Amino acid sequence: MIVLFDSELHSQAAVAFKRDAYVCSFGDATEFGTEEDHLAWLTRRANEYPNGFLILLDNSKKPVGQIESYIKKDASGERFGT
């Protein structure tokens, strides 16, 4: 099942998933920063793009993954999705 990110329900899982993504991408979580900074960023972005931050749940409704999608601008100012 896929649900919209809810900071009340999914904050711990979202932080753990993002930290793991840093380890997988960069070899460690040194650049991850603090949990508070990540949650502030995530909450701000989820408010901007409410349909872009999703949590994947297993059959017992336990979070098992997340999807982040939002709009960025390139050097010329053109908008594109990530």
C-alpha atoms as a PDB file:
ATOM      1  CA  MET A   1       0.000   0.000   0.000  1.00  0.00           C
ATOM      2  CA  ILE A   2       1.183   3.536  -0.707  1.00  0.00           C
ATOM      3  CA  VAL A   3       0.084   6.457   1.497  1.00  0.00           C
ATOM      4  CA  LEU A   4       0.907  10.139   1.727  1.00  0.00           C
ATOM      5  CA  PHE A   5       3.645  11.041   4.205  1.00  0.00           C
ATOM      6  CA  ASP A   6       2.182  11.997   7.588  1.00  0.00           C
ATOM      7  CA  SER A   7       4.744  13.519   9.952  1.00  0.00           C
ATOM      8  CA  GLU A   8       2.803  12.270  12.973  1.00  0.00           C
ATOM      9  CA  LEU A   9       2.940   8.659  11.752  1.00  0.00           C
ATOM     10  CA  HIS A  10       6.013   8.348   9.550  1.00  0.00           C
ATOM     11  CA  SER A  11       8.781  10.653  10.825  1.00  0.00           C
ATOM     12  CA  GLN A  12      10.932   7.936  12.422  1.00  0.00           C
ATOM     13  CA  ALA A  13      10.703   5.678   9.385  1.00  0.00           C
ATOM     14  CA  ALA A  14      11.391   8.538   6.955  1.00  0.00           C
ATOM     15  CA  VAL A  15      14.545   9.537   8.838  1.00  0.00           C
ATOM     16  CA  ALA A  16      15.763   5.933   8.938  1.00  0.00           C
ATOM     17  CA  PHE A  17      15.088   5.429   5.216  1.00  0.00           C
ATOM     18  CA  LYS A  18      16.890   8.649   4.257  1.00  0.00           C
ATOM     19  CA  ARG A  19      19.864   7.870   6.500  1.00  0.00           C
ATOM     20  CA  ASP A  20      20.094   4.411   4.884  1.00  0.00           C
ATOM     21  CA  ALA A  21      19.968   6.034   1.455  1.00  0.00           C
ATOM     22  CA  TYR A  22      22.978   8.173   2.396  1.00  0.00           C
ATOM     23  CA  VAL A  23      24.906   5.100   3.494  1.00  0.00           C
ATOM     24  CA  CYS A  24      24.032   3.269   0.263  1.00  0.00           C
ATOM     25  CA  SER A  25      24.899   6.298  -1.899  1.00  0.00           C
ATOM     26  CA  PHE A  26      27.942   7.713  -0.121  1.00  0.00           C
ATOM     27  CA  GLY A  27      29.260   4.889   2.048  1.00  0.00           C
ATOM     28  CA  ASP A  28      28.271   6.547   5.330  1.00  0.00           C
ATOM     29  CA  ALA A  29      25.780   9.032   6.759  1.00  0.00           C
ATOM     30  CA  THR A  30      28.303  11.777   7.542  1.00  0.00           C
ATOM     31  CA  GLU A  31      26.600  14.273   5.210  1.00  0.00           C
ATOM     32  CA  PHE A  32      23.105  13.400   6.444  1.00  0.00           C
ATOM     33  CA  GLY A  33      23.085  16.071   9.136  1.00  0.00           C
ATOM     34  CA  THR A  34      20.764  15.959  12.111  1.00  0.00           C
ATOM     35  CA  GLU A  35      17.424  14.234  12.423  1.00  0.00           C
ATOM     36  CA  GLU A  36      15.820  17.585  13.273  1.00  0.00           C
ATOM     37  CA  ASP A  37      17.209  19.249  10.135  1.00  0.00           C
ATOM     38  CA  HIS A  38      15.990  16.404   7.941  1.00  0.00           C
ATOM     39  CA  LEU A  39      12.518  16.424   9.495  1.00  0.00           C
ATOM     40  CA  ALA A  40      12.278  20.197   9.042  1.00  0.00           C
ATOM     41  CA  TRP A  41      13.274  19.831   5.368  1.00  0.00           C
ATOM     42  CA  LEU A  42      10.914  16.895   4.849  1.00  0.00           C
ATOM     43  CA  THR A  43       7.974  18.652   6.490  1.00  0.00           C
ATOM     44  CA  ARG A  44       8.576  21.833   4.466  1.00  0.00           C
ATOM     45  CA  ARG A  45       8.843  19.914   1.184  1.00  0.00           C
ATOM     46  CA  ALA A  46       5.849  17.685   1.968  1.00  0.00           C
ATOM     47  CA  ASN A  47       3.782  20.809   2.612  1.00  0.00           C
ATOM     48  CA  GLU A  48       4.958  22.272  -0.728  1.00  0.00           C
ATOM     49  CA  TYR A  49       4.386  19.033  -2.670  1.00  0.00           C
ATOM     50  CA  PRO A  50       1.900  16.994  -0.614  1.00  0.00           C
ATOM     51  CA  ASN A  51       1.475  14.319  -3.278  1.00  0.00           C
ATOM     52  CA  GLY A  52       5.223  13.973  -3.760  1.00  0.00           C
ATOM     53  CA  PHE A  53       6.186  12.342  -0.484  1.00  0.00           C
ATOM     54  CA  LEU A  54       4.872   8.825  -0.144  1.00  0.00           C
ATOM     55  CA  ILE A  55       5.341   5.991   2.330  1.00  0.00           C
ATOM     56  CA  LEU A  56       5.165   2.354   1.229  1.00  0.00           C
ATOM     57  CA  LEU A  57       3.527   0.015   3.736  1.00  0.00           C
ATOM     58  CA  ASP A  58       3.587  -3.774   3.934  1.00  0.00           C
ATOM     59  CA  ASN A  59       0.452  -5.842   4.572  1.00  0.00           C
ATOM     60  CA  SER A  60       0.694  -5.181   8.314  1.00  0.00           C
ATOM     61  CA  LYS A  61       0.893  -1.417   7.575  1.00  0.00           C
ATOM     62  CA  LYS A  62       4.543  -1.215   8.646  1.00  0.00           C
ATOM     63  CA  PRO A  63       6.570   1.372   6.651  1.00  0.00           C
ATOM     64  CA  VAL A  64       9.016  -0.411   4.333  1.00  0.00           C
ATOM     65  CA  GLY A  65      10.067   2.408   1.996  1.00  0.00           C
ATOM     66  CA  GLN A  66       9.461   5.910   0.772  1.00  0.00           C
ATOM     67  CA  ILE A  67       9.283   7.867  -2.463  1.00  0.00           C
ATOM     68  CA  GLU A  68      10.262  11.531  -2.722  1.00  0.00           C
ATOM     69  CA  SER A  69       9.254  13.559  -5.750  1.00  0.00           C
ATOM     70  CA  TYR A  70       9.300  17.324  -6.112  1.00  0.00           C
ATOM     71  CA  ILE A  71       9.999  20.155  -8.542  1.00  0.00           C
ATOM     72  CA  LYS A  72      13.461  21.685  -8.942  1.00  0.00           C
ATOM     73  CA  LYS A  73      14.829  24.379 -11.219  1.00  0.00           C
ATOM     74  CA  ASP A  74      17.868  23.942 -13.433  1.00  0.00           C
ATOM     75  CA  ALA A  75      20.521  26.629 -14.029  1.00  0.00           C
ATOM     76  CA  SER A  76      18.318  28.354 -16.621  1.00  0.00           C
ATOM     77  CA  GLY A  77      15.341  28.454 -14.266  1.00  0.00           C
ATOM     78  CA  GLU A  78      13.414  25.698 -16.039  1.00  0.00           C
ATOM     79  CA  ARG A  79      11.372  23.533 -13.714  1.00  0.00           C
ATOM     80  CA  PHE A  80      11.705  19.740 -13.733  1.00  0.00           C
ATOM     81  CA  GLY A  81      10.589  16.896 -11.508  1.00  0.00           C
ATOM     82  CA  THR A  82      12.857  14.604  -9.523  1.00  0.00           C
END
